[in-house]
Protein backbone atom coordinates (compact mmCIF):
# COMPACT_ATOMS: atom_id res chain seq x y z
CA MET A 1 65.34 139.98 131.86
CA GLY A 2 63.98 139.89 128.36
CA ASN A 3 65.75 138.13 125.57
CA LYS A 4 67.52 141.20 124.43
CA GLU A 5 68.73 141.89 128.08
CA LYS A 6 70.59 138.47 128.51
CA LEU A 7 74.12 138.78 130.00
CA ASN A 8 76.96 138.18 127.40
CA PHE A 9 79.26 135.96 129.20
CA LYS A 10 81.89 136.08 126.51
CA GLU A 11 82.11 139.85 126.75
CA ILE A 12 82.04 139.69 130.67
CA GLY A 13 84.83 137.16 130.46
CA SER A 14 86.64 139.51 127.90
CA ARG A 15 86.46 142.43 130.32
CA VAL A 16 87.85 140.23 133.31
CA ARG A 17 90.80 139.25 131.16
CA LEU A 18 91.44 142.63 130.01
CA GLU A 19 91.45 144.04 133.48
CA ARG A 20 93.43 141.14 134.85
CA GLU A 21 96.07 141.68 132.16
CA LYS A 22 96.20 145.46 132.95
CA LEU A 23 97.30 144.63 136.27
CA ASP A 24 100.00 142.31 134.84
CA LEU A 25 98.58 139.41 136.68
CA THR A 26 98.84 135.75 135.35
CA ARG A 27 95.69 133.76 135.51
CA GLU A 28 97.20 131.50 138.10
CA LYS A 29 98.13 134.50 140.35
CA PHE A 30 94.78 136.16 139.85
CA ALA A 31 93.12 132.84 140.68
CA GLU A 32 95.02 132.75 143.90
CA ILE A 33 94.02 136.16 144.68
CA VAL A 34 90.24 135.59 144.41
CA GLY A 35 90.26 132.07 145.68
CA LEU A 36 89.41 130.12 142.58
CA SER A 37 91.22 127.74 140.37
CA SER A 38 93.04 128.89 137.34
CA TYR A 39 90.91 126.58 135.28
CA TYR A 40 87.87 128.03 136.56
CA ILE A 41 89.18 131.71 135.86
CA GLY A 42 89.93 130.49 132.36
CA GLN A 43 86.41 129.30 131.79
CA ILE A 44 85.04 132.70 132.99
CA GLU A 45 87.34 134.56 130.75
CA ARG A 46 86.29 132.64 127.82
CA GLY A 47 82.63 132.88 128.70
CA ASP A 48 82.19 129.26 128.99
CA ARG A 49 81.03 129.37 132.66
CA LYS A 50 78.67 131.32 134.58
CA MET A 51 79.63 132.61 138.09
CA SER A 52 77.84 133.37 141.22
CA VAL A 53 77.08 136.98 142.40
CA GLU A 54 79.58 136.43 145.11
CA THR A 55 82.21 135.37 142.75
CA LEU A 56 81.35 138.32 140.33
CA VAL A 57 81.80 140.78 143.27
CA ASN A 58 85.11 139.18 144.49
CA ILE A 59 86.44 139.43 140.89
CA ALA A 60 85.39 143.06 140.55
CA ASN A 61 86.95 143.93 143.81
CA ALA A 62 90.22 142.27 143.03
CA LEU A 63 90.33 144.11 139.80
CA HIS A 64 89.23 147.42 141.33
CA VAL A 65 86.37 147.86 138.81
CA SER A 66 82.78 148.05 139.37
CA VAL A 67 80.50 145.09 138.91
CA ASP A 68 78.34 147.29 136.32
CA TYR A 69 81.51 147.49 134.26
CA LEU A 70 82.08 143.73 134.26
CA LEU A 71 78.50 143.09 133.32
CA ASN A 72 77.79 145.99 130.94
CA GLY A 73 81.09 147.62 130.11
CA SER A 74 80.16 150.86 131.66
CA ASN A 75 81.17 152.73 134.91
CA LEU A 76 84.69 151.24 134.94
CA HIS A 77 85.43 152.21 138.58
CA THR A 78 83.19 152.18 141.39
CA GLU A 79 84.15 155.57 142.45
CA LYS A 80 86.95 158.11 141.79
CA SER A 81 89.87 157.64 143.73
CA GLU A 82 91.43 160.40 145.86
CA ILE A 83 94.19 160.81 143.21
CA GLU A 84 91.55 160.86 140.31
CA LYS A 85 89.44 163.51 142.16
CA ASN A 86 92.63 165.62 142.64
CA PHE A 87 94.41 164.87 139.43
CA SER A 88 94.58 168.58 138.55
CA VAL A 89 97.55 168.70 140.90
CA LEU A 90 99.74 168.12 137.87
CA GLU A 91 98.22 171.20 136.21
CA THR A 92 97.62 173.66 138.98
CA PRO A 93 100.06 175.57 141.19
CA TYR A 94 101.13 173.63 144.25
CA ASN A 95 100.06 176.20 146.67
CA SER A 96 96.44 176.18 145.30
CA TYR A 97 96.03 172.55 145.94
CA ASN A 98 95.06 171.13 149.25
CA PRO A 99 95.07 167.25 149.23
CA SER A 100 94.81 164.94 152.23
CA ASP A 101 98.05 164.63 154.29
CA ASP A 102 98.67 161.12 153.00
CA LEU A 103 98.30 162.16 149.32
CA GLN A 104 100.43 165.15 149.80
CA GLU A 105 103.21 163.01 151.32
CA LEU A 106 103.01 160.54 148.42
CA LEU A 107 103.25 163.20 145.87
CA SER A 108 106.21 164.80 147.51
CA ILE A 109 107.80 161.46 147.69
CA LEU A 110 107.20 160.73 143.97
CA THR A 111 108.65 164.22 142.91
CA ARG A 112 111.96 163.16 144.26
CA CYS A 113 112.08 159.90 142.25
CA SER A 114 113.77 159.23 139.00
CA ASN A 115 111.65 157.89 136.02
CA ARG A 116 113.07 154.33 136.74
CA GLU A 117 111.94 154.59 140.28
CA ILE A 118 108.37 155.92 139.34
CA SER A 119 108.01 153.06 136.75
CA LEU A 120 109.07 150.59 139.48
CA ILE A 121 106.58 152.13 142.12
CA LYS A 122 103.98 151.93 139.53
CA ASP A 123 104.43 148.28 138.84
CA ILE A 124 104.60 147.31 142.50
CA THR A 125 101.44 149.39 143.00
CA LYS A 126 99.65 147.28 140.36
CA LEU A 127 100.81 144.07 141.98
CA ILE A 128 99.60 144.87 145.39
CA LEU A 129 96.33 146.60 144.56
CA PRO A 130 94.30 143.43 144.18
CA TYR A 131 95.62 142.15 147.65
CA LEU A 132 94.26 145.38 149.36
CA VAL A 133 90.87 144.93 151.37
CA LYS A 134 88.39 147.57 150.36
């Protein structure tokens, strides 16, 4: 890498912090998820400490973002999720939409929920996503 292409660890750390906060995770809880100390996560988020490639990948996976996004601020997600690919379900007639059976069942369940229940489901989903193995 040339001088103009050096990694900016403060920006990387800021993106880690931003994505962690979007998931409503404390630094301590996030550290537990990725198997690091909260002190080390703090150093990463401030840009005070470099991390190994393995740690970078583990952090990206736990945050459900791409390594490229953490490094460069581009390509936020590694790939579009099934829901994102089929997001048009909210705008198209139901009979013209053909999602996977699991997605169809989930959407059916959600349509029967109150706004309060949907909000709770969203919050729970944000909490468990980092624990899911890709």
